[in-house]
């Protein structure tokens, strides 16, 4: 009398069959190598965009509470392919970005990306940043700025 195979038994038979089929090699010596892997830019000139910032960090110095300031960052595509900025993500709600939307930057071309900072009622040292995401390698750049925000009650004594 035959007993039917359980679900676990069928699974084990299928896995053994797949393992046997997967171990078959088409090469003559049975050796598998990694020659099919292509690493872009390895052994050849890179045909990719490259992001170069004139400066990625700005010290705004002293600001008054409630002051609004625009911070320009000059970006150049020093690569060999068009550069696309897909996102600029500031680290806080006090900062917004502009000047990059719907733009493709040709090789050698530049643009000014602007971060707008609103100090609001903040007082003290401010350190903020924005992540810029592109189709370059690496895909993310970080723009930073710092400021010392002074309020009406700020003590200016050393």
Protein backbone atom coordinates (compact mmCIF):
# COMPACT_ATOMS: atom_id res chain seq x y z
CA UNK A 1 0.00 0.00 0.00
CA UNK A 2 1.32 3.45 -0.98
CA UNK A 3 1.18 6.42 1.28
CA UNK A 4 0.68 9.82 -0.34
CA UNK A 5 3.53 12.33 -0.11
CA UNK A 6 3.09 15.14 2.31
CA UNK A 7 3.54 18.78 1.28
CA UNK A 8 6.97 18.73 2.95
CA UNK A 9 7.96 15.64 0.98
CA UNK A 10 6.92 17.21 -2.34
CA UNK A 11 8.80 20.39 -1.44
CA UNK A 12 11.99 18.43 -0.65
CA UNK A 13 11.79 16.52 -3.94
CA UNK A 14 11.28 19.74 -5.92
CA UNK A 15 14.19 21.46 -4.16
CA UNK A 16 16.51 18.51 -4.85
CA UNK A 17 15.47 18.53 -8.53
CA UNK A 18 16.07 22.28 -8.86
CA UNK A 19 19.44 21.91 -7.13
CA UNK A 20 20.50 19.19 -9.55
CA UNK A 21 19.42 21.25 -12.55
CA UNK A 22 21.10 24.40 -11.25
CA UNK A 23 24.40 22.60 -10.78
CA UNK A 24 24.62 21.77 -14.49
CA UNK A 25 27.17 24.01 -16.22
CA UNK A 26 27.30 24.93 -19.89
CA UNK A 27 31.05 25.58 -19.91
CA UNK A 28 33.41 22.81 -20.94
CA UNK A 29 35.48 22.79 -17.76
CA UNK A 30 32.53 23.42 -15.44
CA UNK A 31 34.18 26.62 -14.15
CA UNK A 32 32.04 29.71 -13.65
CA UNK A 33 33.74 33.14 -13.74
CA UNK A 34 32.68 36.74 -13.33
CA UNK A 35 33.72 37.96 -16.79
CA UNK A 36 30.13 38.91 -17.57
CA UNK A 37 30.11 41.58 -14.84
CA UNK A 38 30.73 45.09 -16.16
CA UNK A 39 31.60 47.82 -13.72
CA UNK A 40 30.90 51.22 -15.34
CA UNK A 41 34.01 53.36 -15.60
CA UNK A 42 36.43 50.53 -14.89
CA UNK A 43 39.18 50.44 -17.50
CA UNK A 44 37.53 53.10 -19.64
CA UNK A 45 36.56 56.76 -19.53
CA UNK A 46 33.36 57.36 -17.65
CA UNK A 47 30.43 58.51 -19.75
CA UNK A 48 28.46 59.68 -16.74
CA UNK A 49 27.56 63.06 -15.27
CA UNK A 50 29.72 64.37 -12.42
CA UNK A 51 28.71 66.97 -9.86
CA UNK A 52 31.27 69.63 -8.91
CA UNK A 53 30.31 72.32 -6.40
CA UNK A 54 32.18 75.62 -6.20
CA UNK A 55 31.55 75.30 -2.45
CA UNK A 56 29.19 72.96 -0.61
CA UNK A 57 29.42 74.72 2.75
CA UNK A 58 28.56 78.36 3.61
CA UNK A 59 28.94 80.32 6.85
CA UNK A 60 26.26 83.02 6.91
CA UNK A 61 27.77 84.74 9.95
CA UNK A 62 25.39 86.80 12.09
CA UNK A 63 21.68 86.97 11.27
CA UNK A 64 18.80 88.65 13.07
CA UNK A 65 15.89 86.54 14.28
CA UNK A 66 13.16 86.69 11.63
CA UNK A 67 15.64 87.42 8.83
CA UNK A 68 15.32 85.60 5.51
CA UNK A 69 18.38 84.93 3.38
CA UNK A 70 19.10 83.24 0.04
CA UNK A 71 22.21 81.05 -0.17
CA UNK A 72 23.53 80.36 -3.69
CA UNK A 73 25.48 77.18 -4.49
CA UNK A 74 27.15 76.99 -7.91
CA UNK A 75 27.02 73.52 -9.50
CA UNK A 76 28.87 72.43 -12.64
CA UNK A 77 28.40 69.19 -14.56
CA UNK A 78 32.05 68.16 -15.06
CA UNK A 79 31.05 64.78 -16.47
CA UNK A 80 30.49 63.54 -20.01
CA UNK A 81 26.71 63.00 -19.90
CA UNK A 82 23.67 65.16 -19.07
CA UNK A 83 23.04 65.72 -15.35
CA UNK A 84 19.53 65.50 -13.94
CA UNK A 85 18.72 66.73 -10.45
CA UNK A 86 15.80 64.65 -9.21
CA UNK A 87 15.35 66.00 -5.69
CA UNK A 88 16.62 68.61 -3.23
CA UNK A 89 15.59 67.72 0.31
CA UNK A 90 16.31 70.32 3.04
CA UNK A 91 16.78 69.02 6.58
CA UNK A 92 14.15 71.33 8.11
CA UNK A 93 11.03 73.31 7.27
CA UNK A 94 12.93 76.57 7.71
CA UNK A 95 14.77 75.97 4.41
CA UNK A 96 13.43 75.74 0.84
CA UNK A 97 15.21 75.17 -2.49
CA UNK A 98 14.83 76.60 -5.97
CA UNK A 99 16.66 77.00 -9.26
CA UNK A 100 16.99 73.31 -10.12
CA UNK A 101 13.48 72.18 -11.04
CA UNK A 102 12.89 70.64 -14.48
CA UNK A 103 16.47 71.25 -15.62
CA UNK A 104 18.88 68.97 -17.40
CA UNK A 105 22.45 70.19 -17.24
CA UNK A 106 24.63 69.46 -20.27
CA UNK A 107 28.29 68.48 -19.78
CA UNK A 108 30.28 71.60 -18.88
CA UNK A 109 27.18 73.65 -18.01
CA UNK A 110 26.56 75.30 -14.62
CA UNK A 111 23.58 76.44 -12.59
CA UNK A 112 22.98 78.14 -9.30
CA UNK A 113 20.89 76.16 -6.84
CA UNK A 114 19.49 78.43 -4.13
CA UNK A 115 18.57 77.49 -0.58
CA UNK A 116 16.30 80.03 1.14
CA UNK A 117 16.61 80.12 4.93
CA UNK A 118 14.03 81.75 7.22
CA UNK A 119 15.48 82.21 10.71
CA UNK A 120 12.01 82.73 12.19
CA UNK A 121 12.12 83.03 15.97
CA UNK A 122 15.15 80.78 16.32
CA UNK A 123 18.06 82.15 18.31
CA UNK A 124 21.53 80.68 18.62
CA UNK A 125 23.74 78.60 16.38
CA UNK A 126 22.02 77.12 13.34
CA UNK A 127 23.50 74.25 11.35
CA UNK A 128 21.33 73.04 8.47
CA UNK A 129 21.79 71.02 5.31
CA UNK A 130 20.05 69.87 2.15
CA UNK A 131 20.57 66.63 0.25
CA UNK A 132 20.78 66.96 -3.54
CA UNK A 133 19.93 63.75 -5.44
CA UNK A 134 21.13 63.39 -9.05
CA UNK A 135 21.86 60.74 -11.68
CA UNK A 136 25.63 61.12 -11.05
CA UNK A 137 27.84 58.70 -9.12
CA UNK A 138 27.68 59.18 -6.17
CA UNK A 139 24.03 60.08 -6.45
CA UNK A 140 23.77 62.35 -3.40
CA UNK A 141 25.56 65.55 -2.38
CA UNK A 142 25.04 67.43 0.87
CA UNK A 143 24.94 71.24 0.97
CA UNK A 144 25.54 72.80 4.40
CA UNK A 145 25.20 76.20 5.95
CA UNK A 146 25.69 77.66 9.41
CA UNK A 147 24.63 80.93 11.04
CA UNK A 148 24.55 82.61 14.40
CA UNK A 149 21.01 83.95 14.85
CA UNK A 150 20.64 86.86 17.26
CA UNK A 151 17.36 87.78 18.94
CA UNK A 152 16.26 90.90 20.85
CA UNK A 153 17.41 89.39 24.16
CA UNK A 154 20.77 88.10 22.88
CA UNK A 155 23.63 89.11 25.17
CA UNK A 156 26.48 90.47 23.05
CA UNK A 157 28.97 90.55 25.94
CA UNK A 158 32.10 88.40 25.38
